[in-house]
Amino acid sequence: MKLRLSRAMMLAASLLLLISFAKPLWHYDFEAPQYPEGLPMIIYLDHLGGRVDLVNELNHYIGMHKIVESDFAEFRMIPALVVFFCIVGIVVAASKRLWVLVGWVVGLAIAGLLGLADFYSWLYMYGHELDPHAAIRIPPFTPHLLGAYRMMNFRIVSYPGIGGIAIILAAVLGFLALVMEWAHGSFRGAPAIAPIGSEIAPGHPHPGAAR
């Protein structure tokens, strides 16, 4: 049986989430003359990668907390959440209940926003809870969530990885599927969008009929 386009989009959105298990969610690239090859720090769904050891050594000079993977409870929670949205998304693709589709789209959007807020809170903590007795004293700051900035002689670039982009695309596909299904009214409880003028009660002539 041929799937409707919107349901195929919903299925694709669910499967896109699985990419985040294999590909990075976020990147931080540290560039400086003394490190011509760069110092990457990579954030995966359930662990850290790249040269976190060297980044910690550099951060020590400005009194920043050491980045320790075990400090992040998110690495234990987020994978289960992604699996949940993947399974529910597949169920939604086969369902005819509008509220299930709406719940998936809204739930994924809320989870994504909360994840970004949590990410920002960690960045704020790392940049503001500095050791006052550090070898190099700098004013408190917040590392950028996205984009390029300079810290002393380092140029630091922050950007989403393939896994993060896959999650964003999944949310976009889910939203487009919701719009399409709402417009066609194929989900139970979803009113189809009626053509202009169709709301005229039976028995009443259309304004143009008398011409």
Protein backbone atom coordinates (compact mmCIF):
# COMPACT_ATOMS: atom_id res chain seq x y z
CA MET A 1 0.00 0.00 0.00
CA LYS A 2 1.37 3.37 -0.97
CA LEU A 3 1.93 5.68 1.96
CA ARG A 4 0.63 9.20 1.89
CA LEU A 5 3.43 11.72 1.48
CA SER A 6 2.83 13.21 4.91
CA ARG A 7 2.99 9.82 6.62
CA ALA A 8 6.17 8.96 4.73
CA MET A 9 7.60 12.28 5.96
CA MET A 10 6.64 11.36 9.52
CA LEU A 11 8.33 7.99 9.18
CA ALA A 12 11.44 9.64 7.77
CA ALA A 13 11.44 12.13 10.65
CA SER A 14 11.41 9.28 13.16
CA LEU A 15 14.26 7.43 11.47
CA LEU A 16 16.32 10.62 11.14
CA LEU A 17 16.54 10.71 14.93
CA LEU A 18 18.59 7.51 14.87
CA ILE A 19 21.41 9.33 13.06
CA SER A 20 22.15 11.17 16.30
CA PHE A 21 23.41 7.90 17.81
CA ALA A 22 26.21 7.65 15.25
CA LYS A 23 27.04 11.26 14.41
CA PRO A 24 28.04 14.26 16.60
CA LEU A 25 25.42 16.59 18.01
CA TRP A 26 27.74 19.59 18.37
CA HIS A 27 31.29 20.71 17.65
CA TYR A 28 33.70 23.12 19.34
CA ASP A 29 36.85 23.80 17.33
CA PHE A 30 39.74 25.61 19.06
CA GLU A 31 42.21 27.27 16.70
CA ALA A 32 45.49 28.90 17.71
CA PRO A 33 49.00 29.36 16.22
CA GLN A 34 50.48 26.81 18.68
CA TYR A 35 47.89 24.24 17.59
CA PRO A 36 47.88 24.45 13.78
CA GLU A 37 45.94 21.18 13.52
CA GLY A 38 43.26 22.59 15.83
CA LEU A 39 41.74 21.21 19.02
CA PRO A 40 38.30 19.70 18.41
CA MET A 41 35.85 18.98 21.20
CA ILE A 42 32.93 16.89 19.99
CA ILE A 43 29.63 16.35 21.79
CA TYR A 44 27.86 13.09 20.99
CA LEU A 45 24.50 11.88 22.21
CA ASP A 46 26.04 9.89 25.05
CA HIS A 47 29.70 10.89 25.34
CA LEU A 48 32.39 13.45 24.56
CA GLY A 49 35.02 13.13 21.86
CA GLY A 50 37.99 15.02 20.46
CA ARG A 51 40.82 16.50 22.51
CA VAL A 52 38.94 17.13 25.73
CA ASP A 53 42.13 16.41 27.69
CA LEU A 54 44.02 19.29 26.06
CA VAL A 55 41.01 21.60 26.30
CA ASN A 56 40.89 20.89 30.04
CA GLU A 57 44.61 21.68 30.37
CA LEU A 58 44.09 25.05 28.70
CA ASN A 59 40.95 25.80 30.71
CA HIS A 60 42.88 25.11 33.91
CA TYR A 61 44.98 28.24 33.35
CA ILE A 62 41.90 30.48 33.48
CA GLY A 63 40.35 28.62 36.42
CA MET A 64 37.54 26.90 34.53
CA HIS A 65 36.00 23.70 35.86
CA LYS A 66 37.34 20.50 34.34
CA ILE A 67 35.02 19.02 31.72
CA VAL A 68 34.25 15.51 32.97
CA GLU A 69 31.92 13.26 31.02
CA SER A 70 30.46 11.62 34.15
CA ASP A 71 29.21 15.03 35.38
CA PHE A 72 26.57 15.10 32.65
CA ALA A 73 23.44 13.14 33.57
CA GLU A 74 22.14 14.18 30.14
CA PHE A 75 24.36 11.54 28.51
CA ARG A 76 22.31 8.88 30.29
CA MET A 77 18.89 10.48 29.75
CA ILE A 78 18.93 11.83 26.20
CA PRO A 79 19.53 8.52 24.35
CA ALA A 80 16.42 7.02 25.98
CA LEU A 81 14.45 10.14 25.05
CA VAL A 82 15.53 9.90 21.41
CA VAL A 83 14.52 6.22 21.27
CA PHE A 84 11.15 7.18 22.76
CA PHE A 85 10.50 9.83 20.10
CA CYS A 86 11.64 7.46 17.36
CA ILE A 87 9.25 4.67 18.44
CA VAL A 88 6.33 7.04 19.04
CA GLY A 89 7.00 8.72 15.68
CA ILE A 90 6.68 5.39 13.87
CA VAL A 91 3.38 4.79 15.70
CA VAL A 92 2.22 8.28 14.70
CA ALA A 93 3.02 7.54 11.03
CA ALA A 94 0.54 4.65 11.16
CA SER A 95 -2.03 6.46 13.31
CA LYS A 96 -5.06 8.50 12.28
CA ARG A 97 -5.28 10.51 15.46
CA LEU A 98 -4.40 14.17 15.11
CA TRP A 99 -3.63 14.65 18.79
CA VAL A 100 -0.90 11.97 18.59
CA LEU A 101 0.82 13.81 15.73
CA VAL A 102 0.44 17.17 17.48
CA GLY A 103 1.83 15.67 20.69
CA TRP A 104 4.89 14.30 18.88
CA VAL A 105 5.69 17.58 17.14
CA VAL A 106 5.11 19.73 20.23
CA GLY A 107 6.91 17.26 22.48
CA LEU A 108 9.99 17.11 20.25
CA ALA A 109 10.05 20.92 19.98
CA ILE A 110 9.84 21.32 23.76
CA ALA A 111 12.51 18.67 24.33
CA GLY A 112 14.78 20.41 21.84
CA LEU A 113 14.31 23.84 23.43
CA LEU A 114 14.88 22.42 26.92
CA GLY A 115 18.02 20.72 25.63
CA LEU A 116 19.38 23.99 24.26
CA ALA A 117 18.52 25.79 27.51
CA ASP A 118 20.32 23.08 29.48
CA PHE A 119 23.32 23.35 27.14
CA TYR A 120 23.42 27.11 27.66
CA SER A 121 23.21 26.72 31.45
CA TRP A 122 26.30 24.50 31.40
CA LEU A 123 28.15 27.04 29.25
CA TYR A 124 27.17 29.81 31.66
CA MET A 125 28.38 27.81 34.65
CA TYR A 126 31.73 26.97 33.04
CA GLY A 127 32.35 30.59 32.09
CA HIS A 128 31.21 32.21 35.34
CA GLU A 129 32.39 29.86 38.10
CA LEU A 130 36.08 30.60 37.59
CA ASP A 131 38.76 29.97 40.19
CA PRO A 132 39.81 33.42 41.52
CA HIS A 133 43.30 32.02 42.18
CA ALA A 134 43.88 30.85 38.62
CA ALA A 135 47.17 31.64 36.88
CA ILE A 136 45.35 33.84 34.36
CA ARG A 137 42.44 35.89 35.63
CA ILE A 138 39.77 36.91 33.15
CA PRO A 139 36.29 38.43 33.56
CA PRO A 140 33.42 35.94 33.72
CA PHE A 141 31.98 35.12 30.31
CA THR A 142 29.62 32.71 28.57
CA PRO A 143 31.09 30.55 25.78
CA HIS A 144 29.04 30.90 22.61
CA LEU A 145 26.40 28.33 21.90
CA LEU A 146 26.72 29.00 18.18
CA GLY A 147 29.17 30.91 16.04
CA ALA A 148 32.79 32.04 16.21
CA TYR A 149 34.45 34.13 18.90
CA ARG A 150 37.91 34.86 20.30
CA MET A 151 39.28 33.98 23.71
CA MET A 152 42.77 35.37 24.24
CA ASN A 153 44.80 33.98 21.29
CA PHE A 154 42.25 31.28 20.47
CA ARG A 155 39.55 31.43 17.84
CA ILE A 156 36.70 29.16 18.93
CA VAL A 157 33.98 28.01 16.53
CA SER A 158 30.78 26.33 17.73
CA TYR A 159 28.35 24.67 15.33
CA PRO A 160 25.90 21.74 15.14
CA GLY A 161 27.07 18.35 13.94
CA ILE A 162 25.33 15.95 11.57
CA GLY A 163 23.44 14.36 14.47
CA GLY A 164 22.17 17.73 15.67
CA ILE A 165 21.13 18.72 12.16
CA ALA A 166 19.29 15.39 11.79
CA ILE A 167 17.23 16.14 14.90
CA ILE A 168 16.39 19.62 13.56
CA LEU A 169 15.35 18.14 10.20
CA ALA A 170 13.21 15.56 12.00
CA ALA A 171 11.34 18.35 13.80
CA VAL A 172 10.86 20.26 10.52
CA LEU A 173 9.56 17.16 8.71
CA GLY A 174 7.19 16.42 11.57
CA PHE A 175 5.84 19.96 11.48
CA LEU A 176 5.34 19.83 7.70
CA ALA A 177 3.56 16.48 8.05
CA LEU A 178 1.26 18.04 10.65
CA VAL A 179 0.44 20.98 8.35
CA MET A 180 -0.31 18.65 5.44
CA GLU A 181 -2.49 16.30 7.47
CA TRP A 182 -4.38 19.19 9.04
CA ALA A 183 -5.00 20.74 5.64
CA HIS A 184 -6.33 17.48 4.18
CA GLY A 185 -8.21 16.46 7.32
CA SER A 186 -7.08 12.85 6.97
CA PHE A 187 -6.41 12.46 10.69
CA ARG A 188 -9.39 11.89 12.94
CA GLY A 189 -10.33 15.14 14.60
CA ALA A 190 -8.61 17.26 11.96
CA PRO A 191 -11.06 19.48 10.08
CA ALA A 192 -10.28 19.85 6.41
CA ILE A 193 -9.73 23.40 5.23
CA ALA A 194 -12.86 24.29 3.25
CA PRO A 195 -12.74 26.39 0.08
CA ILE A 196 -13.74 30.02 0.38
CA GLY A 197 -17.53 30.38 0.12
CA SER A 198 -18.28 26.78 1.14
CA GLU A 199 -19.58 27.95 4.51
CA ILE A 200 -22.77 29.37 2.87
CA ALA A 201 -25.79 27.56 4.27
CA PRO A 202 -27.76 25.21 1.98
CA GLY A 203 -30.68 26.85 0.20
CA HIS A 204 -29.04 30.26 0.09
CA PRO A 205 -27.87 31.30 -3.37
CA HIS A 206 -24.25 32.14 -3.87
CA PRO A 207 -23.77 35.95 -4.28
CA GLY A 208 -22.61 35.40 -7.84
CA ALA A 209 -25.46 33.09 -8.81
CA ALA A 210 -27.91 35.92 -9.56
CA ARG A 211 -25.63 37.40 -12.19
